[in-house]
Amino acid sequence: MDRLEAAIQKLVARHREFLVDNASLREQILLRDAKMLALEAEIRDLNQRRQDVTKRIDDLIAQIEQIENQELF
């Protein structure tokens, strides 16, 4: 009986450890997911800014070309 009780106590202790580990892993996943969402939002923002800058540069180049064309005539 003592061996059986010891085995059961050991199993119960391992089960508790697994529950704690599981909770910790779930917390890590939630934190990772939140960070991933924040990074995705930052990527979208940076891509939009890049597109805006590209458009402004294209507009400036067009203006320069227009000025150069006007000076030629």
PDB file of N, CA and C in Angstrom:
ATOM      1  N   MET A   1       0.802  -1.190   0.000  1.00  0.00           N
ATOM      2  CA  MET A   1       0.000   0.000   0.000  1.00  0.00           C
ATOM      3  C   MET A   1       0.850   1.262   0.000  1.00  0.00           C
ATOM      4  N   ASP A   2       1.939   1.224   0.744  1.00  0.00           N
ATOM      5  CA  ASP A   2       2.774   2.419   0.809  1.00  0.00           C
ATOM      6  C   ASP A   2       3.316   2.778  -0.567  1.00  0.00           C
ATOM      7  N   ARG A   3       3.668   1.802  -1.345  1.00  0.00           N
ATOM      8  CA  ARG A   3       4.191   2.061  -2.698  1.00  0.00           C
ATOM      9  C   ARG A   3       3.117   2.672  -3.576  1.00  0.00           C
ATOM     10  N   LEU A   4       1.884   2.125  -3.441  1.00  0.00           N
ATOM     11  CA  LEU A   4       0.777   2.657  -4.238  1.00  0.00           C
ATOM     12  C   LEU A   4       0.492   4.108  -3.852  1.00  0.00           C
ATOM     13  N   GLU A   5       0.436   4.401  -2.570  1.00  0.00           N
ATOM     14  CA  GLU A   5       0.201   5.772  -2.108  1.00  0.00           C
ATOM     15  C   GLU A   5       1.313   6.705  -2.579  1.00  0.00           C
ATOM     16  N   ALA A   6       2.542   6.233  -2.508  1.00  0.00           N
ATOM     17  CA  ALA A   6       3.671   7.055  -2.951  1.00  0.00           C
ATOM     18  C   ALA A   6       3.580   7.329  -4.447  1.00  0.00           C
ATOM     19  N   ALA A   7       3.201   6.312  -5.204  1.00  0.00           N
ATOM     20  CA  ALA A   7       3.070   6.486  -6.647  1.00  0.00           C
ATOM     21  C   ALA A   7       1.951   7.480  -6.964  1.00  0.00           C
ATOM     22  N   ILE A   8       0.837   7.356  -6.239  1.00  0.00           N
ATOM     23  CA  ILE A   8      -0.286   8.274  -6.462  1.00  0.00           C
ATOM     24  C   ILE A   8       0.103   9.695  -6.077  1.00  0.00           C
ATOM     25  N   GLN A   9       0.775   9.865  -4.963  1.00  0.00           N
ATOM     26  CA  GLN A   9       1.215  11.196  -4.538  1.00  0.00           C
ATOM     27  C   GLN A   9       2.179  11.802  -5.564  1.00  0.00           C
ATOM     28  N   LYS A  10       3.033  10.954  -6.092  1.00  0.00           N
ATOM     29  CA  LYS A  10       3.974  11.425  -7.106  1.00  0.00           C
ATOM     30  C   LYS A  10       3.218  11.859  -8.363  1.00  0.00           C
ATOM     31  N   LEU A  11       2.223  11.066  -8.762  1.00  0.00           N
ATOM     32  CA  LEU A  11       1.416  11.420  -9.927  1.00  0.00           C
ATOM     33  C   LEU A  11       0.637  12.710  -9.701  1.00  0.00           C
ATOM     34  N   VAL A  12       0.079  12.879  -8.521  1.00  0.00           N
ATOM     35  CA  VAL A  12      -0.664  14.098  -8.194  1.00  0.00           C
ATOM     36  C   VAL A  12       0.280  15.304  -8.236  1.00  0.00           C
ATOM     37  N   ALA A  13       1.461  15.148  -7.679  1.00  0.00           N
ATOM     38  CA  ALA A  13       2.440  16.243  -7.697  1.00  0.00           C
ATOM     39  C   ALA A  13       2.835  16.589  -9.135  1.00  0.00           C
ATOM     40  N   ARG A  14       3.070  15.588  -9.968  1.00  0.00           N
ATOM     41  CA  ARG A  14       3.422  15.824 -11.379  1.00  0.00           C
ATOM     42  C   ARG A  14       2.272  16.497 -12.115  1.00  0.00           C
ATOM     43  N   HIS A  15       1.055  16.054 -11.791  1.00  0.00           N
ATOM     44  CA  HIS A  15      -0.118  16.656 -12.426  1.00  0.00           C
ATOM     45  C   HIS A  15      -0.197  18.152 -12.081  1.00  0.00           C
ATOM     46  N   ARG A  16       0.027  18.483 -10.823  1.00  0.00           N
ATOM     47  CA  ARG A  16       0.027  19.898 -10.400  1.00  0.00           C
ATOM     48  C   ARG A  16       1.119  20.679 -11.127  1.00  0.00           C
ATOM     49  N   GLU A  17       2.294  20.080 -11.252  1.00  0.00           N
ATOM     50  CA  GLU A  17       3.390  20.739 -11.977  1.00  0.00           C
ATOM     51  C   GLU A  17       2.992  20.986 -13.431  1.00  0.00           C
ATOM     52  N   PHE A  18       2.359  20.000 -14.036  1.00  0.00           N
ATOM     53  CA  PHE A  18       1.931  20.155 -15.423  1.00  0.00           C
ATOM     54  C   PHE A  18       0.872  21.242 -15.559  1.00  0.00           C
ATOM     55  N   LEU A  19      -0.016  21.338 -14.581  1.00  0.00           N
ATOM     56  CA  LEU A  19      -1.018  22.395 -14.617  1.00  0.00           C
ATOM     57  C   LEU A  19      -0.369  23.774 -14.540  1.00  0.00           C
ATOM     58  N   VAL A  20       0.619  23.902 -13.675  1.00  0.00           N
ATOM     59  CA  VAL A  20       1.342  25.175 -13.550  1.00  0.00           C
ATOM     60  C   VAL A  20       2.092  25.477 -14.843  1.00  0.00           C
ATOM     61  N   ASP A  21       2.773  24.474 -15.380  1.00  0.00           N
ATOM     62  CA  ASP A  21       3.484  24.663 -16.648  1.00  0.00           C
ATOM     63  C   ASP A  21       2.524  25.042 -17.767  1.00  0.00           C
ATOM     64  N   ASN A  22       1.386  24.385 -17.801  1.00  0.00           N
ATOM     65  CA  ASN A  22       0.392  24.661 -18.826  1.00  0.00           C
ATOM     66  C   ASN A  22      -0.097  26.102 -18.719  1.00  0.00           C
ATOM     67  N   ALA A  23      -0.385  26.549 -17.518  1.00  0.00           N
ATOM     68  CA  ALA A  23      -0.841  27.924 -17.313  1.00  0.00           C
ATOM     69  C   ALA A  23       0.239  28.916 -17.741  1.00  0.00           C
ATOM     70  N   SER A  24       1.475  28.606 -17.403  1.00  0.00           N
ATOM     71  CA  SER A  24       2.587  29.476 -17.790  1.00  0.00           C
ATOM     72  C   SER A  24       2.738  29.545 -19.302  1.00  0.00           C
ATOM     73  N   LEU A  25       2.633  28.402 -19.950  1.00  0.00           N
ATOM     74  CA  LEU A  25       2.739  28.372 -21.414  1.00  0.00           C
ATOM     75  C   LEU A  25       1.587  29.128 -22.071  1.00  0.00           C
ATOM     76  N   ARG A  26       0.400  28.991 -21.514  1.00  0.00           N
ATOM     77  CA  ARG A  26      -0.750  29.735 -22.059  1.00  0.00           C
ATOM     78  C   ARG A  26      -0.533  31.242 -21.914  1.00  0.00           C
ATOM     79  N   GLU A  27       0.011  31.648 -20.799  1.00  0.00           N
ATOM     80  CA  GLU A  27       0.317  33.073 -20.578  1.00  0.00           C
ATOM     81  C   GLU A  27       1.348  33.551 -21.593  1.00  0.00           C
ATOM     82  N   GLN A  28       2.378  32.743 -21.820  1.00  0.00           N
ATOM     83  CA  GLN A  28       3.398  33.108 -22.806  1.00  0.00           C
ATOM     84  C   GLN A  28       2.796  33.235 -24.203  1.00  0.00           C
ATOM     85  N   ILE A  29       1.879  32.349 -24.530  1.00  0.00           N
ATOM     86  CA  ILE A  29       1.228  32.410 -25.848  1.00  0.00           C
ATOM     87  C   ILE A  29       0.410  33.685 -25.967  1.00  0.00           C
ATOM     88  N   LEU A  30      -0.320  34.036 -24.916  1.00  0.00           N
ATOM     89  CA  LEU A  30      -1.107  35.274 -24.955  1.00  0.00           C
ATOM     90  C   LEU A  30      -0.206  36.496 -25.131  1.00  0.00           C
ATOM     91  N   LEU A  31       0.903  36.512 -24.409  1.00  0.00           N
ATOM     92  CA  LEU A  31       1.836  37.634 -24.537  1.00  0.00           C
ATOM     93  C   LEU A  31       2.444  37.683 -25.933  1.00  0.00           C
ATOM     94  N   ARG A  32       2.796  36.516 -26.470  1.00  0.00           N
ATOM     95  CA  ARG A  32       3.363  36.448 -27.818  1.00  0.00           C
ATOM     96  C   ARG A  32       2.362  36.920 -28.854  1.00  0.00           C
ATOM     97  N   ASP A  33       1.119  36.487 -28.688  1.00  0.00           N
ATOM     98  CA  ASP A  33       0.079  36.897 -29.637  1.00  0.00           C
ATOM     99  C   ASP A  33      -0.157  38.406 -29.584  1.00  0.00           C
ATOM    100  N   ALA A  34      -0.161  38.967 -28.383  1.00  0.00           N
ATOM    101  CA  ALA A  34      -0.348  40.413 -28.247  1.00  0.00           C
ATOM    102  C   ALA A  34       0.812  41.165 -28.896  1.00  0.00           C
ATOM    103  N   LYS A  35       2.028  40.673 -28.682  1.00  0.00           N
ATOM    104  CA  LYS A  35       3.192  41.308 -29.288  1.00  0.00           C
ATOM    105  C   LYS A  35       3.134  41.194 -30.811  1.00  0.00           C
ATOM    106  N   MET A  36       2.703  40.039 -31.298  1.00  0.00           N
ATOM    107  CA  MET A  36       2.600  39.830 -32.734  1.00  0.00           C
ATOM    108  C   MET A  36       1.582  40.792 -33.349  1.00  0.00           C
ATOM    109  N   LEU A  37       0.452  40.982 -32.683  1.00  0.00           N
ATOM    110  CA  LEU A  37      -0.548  41.925 -33.187  1.00  0.00           C
ATOM    111  C   LEU A  37       0.001  43.345 -33.207  1.00  0.00           C
ATOM    112  N   ALA A  38       0.737  43.710 -32.168  1.00  0.00           N
ATOM    113  CA  ALA A  38       1.333  45.049 -32.124  1.00  0.00           C
ATOM    114  C   ALA A  38       2.346  45.226 -33.249  1.00  0.00           C
ATOM    115  N   LEU A  39       3.157  44.208 -33.491  1.00  0.00           N
ATOM    116  CA  LEU A  39       4.151  44.285 -34.562  1.00  0.00           C
ATOM    117  C   LEU A  39       3.491  44.339 -35.938  1.00  0.00           C
ATOM    118  N   GLU A  40       2.402  43.591 -36.100  1.00  0.00           N
ATOM    119  CA  GLU A  40       1.680  43.639 -37.375  1.00  0.00           C
ATOM    120  C   GLU A  40       1.104  45.030 -37.618  1.00  0.00           C
ATOM    121  N   ALA A  41       0.583  45.650 -36.565  1.00  0.00           N
ATOM    122  CA  ALA A  41       0.058  47.010 -36.689  1.00  0.00           C
ATOM    123  C   ALA A  41       1.183  47.986 -37.043  1.00  0.00           C
ATOM    124  N   GLU A  42       2.333  47.796 -36.428  1.00  0.00           N
ATOM    125  CA  GLU A  42       3.480  48.657 -36.728  1.00  0.00           C
ATOM    126  C   GLU A  42       3.937  48.466 -38.176  1.00  0.00           C
ATOM    127  N   ILE A  43       3.924  47.238 -38.646  1.00  0.00           N
ATOM    128  CA  ILE A  43       4.298  46.968 -40.036  1.00  0.00           C
ATOM    129  C   ILE A  43       3.335  47.675 -40.988  1.00  0.00           C
ATOM    130  N   ARG A  44       2.033  47.580 -40.693  1.00  0.00           N
ATOM    131  CA  ARG A  44       1.050  48.264 -41.546  1.00  0.00           C
ATOM    132  C   ARG A  44       1.302  49.764 -41.559  1.00  0.00           C
ATOM    133  N   ASP A  45       1.583  50.332 -40.392  1.00  0.00           N
ATOM    134  CA  ASP A  45       1.846  51.762 -40.291  1.00  0.00           C
ATOM    135  C   ASP A  45       3.097  52.142 -41.078  1.00  0.00           C
ATOM    136  N   LEU A  46       4.149  51.373 -40.929  1.00  0.00           N
ATOM    137  CA  LEU A  46       5.389  51.670 -41.641  1.00  0.00           C
ATOM    138  C   LEU A  46       5.226  51.508 -43.143  1.00  0.00           C
ATOM    139  N   ASN A  47       4.465  50.521 -43.571  1.00  0.00           N
ATOM    140  CA  ASN A  47       4.203  50.355 -44.995  1.00  0.00           C
ATOM    141  C   ASN A  47       3.420  51.541 -45.547  1.00  0.00           C
ATOM    142  N   GLN A  48       2.435  52.014 -44.776  1.00  0.00           N
ATOM    143  CA  GLN A  48       1.672  53.182 -45.212  1.00  0.00           C
ATOM    144  C   GLN A  48       2.574  54.404 -45.311  1.00  0.00           C
ATOM    145  N   ARG A  49       3.430  54.578 -44.322  1.00  0.00           N
ATOM    146  CA  ARG A  49       4.366  55.715 -44.354  1.00  0.00           C
ATOM    147  C   ARG A  49       5.299  55.609 -45.552  1.00  0.00           C
ATOM    148  N   ARG A  50       5.770  54.410 -45.842  1.00  0.00           N
ATOM    149  CA  ARG A  50       6.645  54.208 -46.994  1.00  0.00           C
ATOM    150  C   ARG A  50       5.920  54.572 -48.285  1.00  0.00           C
ATOM    151  N   GLN A  51       4.671  54.136 -48.398  1.00  0.00           N
ATOM    152  CA  GLN A  51       3.890  54.466 -49.583  1.00  0.00           C
ATOM    153  C   GLN A  51       3.680  55.977 -49.705  1.00  0.00           C
ATOM    154  N   ASP A  52       3.409  56.629 -48.570  1.00  0.00           N
ATOM    155  CA  ASP A  52       3.223  58.084 -48.576  1.00  0.00           C
ATOM    156  C   ASP A  52       4.496  58.800 -49.017  1.00  0.00           C
ATOM    157  N   VAL A  53       5.629  58.351 -48.510  1.00  0.00           N
ATOM    158  CA  VAL A  53       6.912  58.962 -48.875  1.00  0.00           C
ATOM    159  C   VAL A  53       7.209  58.722 -50.348  1.00  0.00           C
ATOM    160  N   THR A  54       6.943  57.531 -50.817  1.00  0.00           N
ATOM    161  CA  THR A  54       7.166  57.219 -52.237  1.00  0.00           C
ATOM    162  C   THR A  54       6.321  58.127 -53.121  1.00  0.00           C
ATOM    163  N   LYS A  55       5.058  58.336 -52.724  1.00  0.00           N
ATOM    164  CA  LYS A  55       4.185  59.216 -53.501  1.00  0.00           C
ATOM    165  C   LYS A  55       4.710  60.648 -53.494  1.00  0.00           C
ATOM    166  N   ARG A  56       5.149  61.126 -52.326  1.00  0.00           N
ATOM    167  CA  ARG A  56       5.689  62.486 -52.252  1.00  0.00           C
ATOM    168  C   ARG A  56       6.933  62.633 -53.121  1.00  0.00           C
ATOM    169  N   ILE A  57       7.790  61.636 -53.111  1.00  0.00           N
ATOM    170  CA  ILE A  57       8.999  61.684 -53.939  1.00  0.00           C
ATOM    171  C   ILE A  57       8.622  61.686 -55.418  1.00  0.00           C
ATOM    172  N   ASP A  58       7.676  60.825 -55.783  1.00  0.00           N
ATOM    173  CA  ASP A  58       7.222  60.800 -57.177  1.00  0.00           C
ATOM    174  C   ASP A  58       6.641  62.153 -57.583  1.00  0.00           C
ATOM    175  N   ASP A  59       5.862  62.772 -56.699  1.00  0.00           N
ATOM    176  CA  ASP A  59       5.293  64.092 -56.991  1.00  0.00           C
ATOM    177  C   ASP A  59       6.393  65.140 -57.158  1.00  0.00           C
ATOM    178  N   LEU A  60       7.404  65.096 -56.290  1.00  0.00           N
ATOM    179  CA  LEU A  60       8.512  66.046 -56.393  1.00  0.00           C
ATOM    180  C   LEU A  60       9.286  65.853 -57.699  1.00  0.00           C
ATOM    181  N   ILE A  61       9.518  64.615 -58.066  1.00  0.00           N
ATOM    182  CA  ILE A  61      10.216  64.331 -59.329  1.00  0.00           C
ATOM    183  C   ILE A  61       9.397  64.857 -60.507  1.00  0.00           C
ATOM    184  N   ALA A  62       8.087  64.652 -60.450  1.00  0.00           N
ATOM    185  CA  ALA A  62       7.221  65.154 -61.522  1.00  0.00           C
ATOM    186  C   ALA A  62       7.282  66.674 -61.600  1.00  0.00           C
ATOM    187  N   GLN A  63       7.312  67.333 -60.451  1.00  0.00           N
ATOM    188  CA  GLN A  63       7.414  68.794 -60.436  1.00  0.00           C
ATOM    189  C   GLN A  63       8.745  69.257 -61.017  1.00  0.00           C
ATOM    190  N   ILE A  64       9.810  68.577 -60.644  1.00  0.00           N
ATOM    191  CA  ILE A  64      11.135  68.934 -61.178  1.00  0.00           C
ATOM    192  C   ILE A  64      11.151  68.756 -62.690  1.00  0.00           C
ATOM    193  N   GLU A  65      10.602  67.653 -63.164  1.00  0.00           N
ATOM    194  CA  GLU A  65      10.554  67.416 -64.605  1.00  0.00           C
ATOM    195  C   GLU A  65       9.707  68.467 -65.313  1.00  0.00           C
ATOM    196  N   GLN A  66       8.622  68.870 -64.680  1.00  0.00           N
ATOM    197  CA  GLN A  66       7.764  69.900 -65.268  1.00  0.00           C
ATOM    198  C   GLN A  66       8.512  71.227 -65.360  1.00  0.00           C
ATOM    199  N   ILE A  67       9.241  71.582 -64.310  1.00  0.00           N
ATOM    200  CA  ILE A  67      10.015  72.822 -64.306  1.00  0.00           C
ATOM    201  C   ILE A  67      11.102  72.756 -65.384  1.00  0.00           C
ATOM    202  N   GLU A  68      11.783  71.616 -65.461  1.00  0.00           N
ATOM    203  CA  GLU A  68      12.821  71.463 -66.475  1.00  0.00           C
ATOM    204  C   GLU A  68      12.249  71.583 -67.883  1.00  0.00           C
ATOM    205  N   ASN A  69      11.074  71.013 -68.096  1.00  0.00           N
ATOM    206  CA  ASN A  69      10.428  71.091 -69.416  1.00  0.00           C
ATOM    207  C   ASN A  69      10.014  72.524 -69.735  1.00  0.00           C
ATOM    208  N   GLN A  70       9.567  73.252 -68.733  1.00  0.00           N
ATOM    209  CA  GLN A  70       9.161  74.655 -68.951  1.00  0.00           C
ATOM    210  C   GLN A  70      10.370  75.510 -69.318  1.00  0.00           C
ATOM    211  N   GLU A  71      11.517  75.226 -68.711  1.00  0.00           N
ATOM    212  CA  GLU A  71      12.722  76.007 -68.976  1.00  0.00           C
ATOM    213  C   GLU A  71      13.238  75.737 -70.383  1.00  0.00           C
ATOM    214  N   LEU A  72      12.954  74.555 -70.919  1.00  0.00           N
ATOM    215  CA  LEU A  72      13.414  74.227 -72.251  1.00  0.00           C
ATOM    216  C   LEU A  72      12.616  74.972 -73.327  1.00  0.00           C
ATOM    217  N   PHE A  73      11.416  75.395 -73.026  1.00  0.00           N
ATOM    218  CA  PHE A  73      10.581  76.055 -74.012  1.00  0.00           C
ATOM    219  C   PHE A  73      10.615  77.507 -73.806  1.00  0.00           C
TER     220      PHE A  73
END
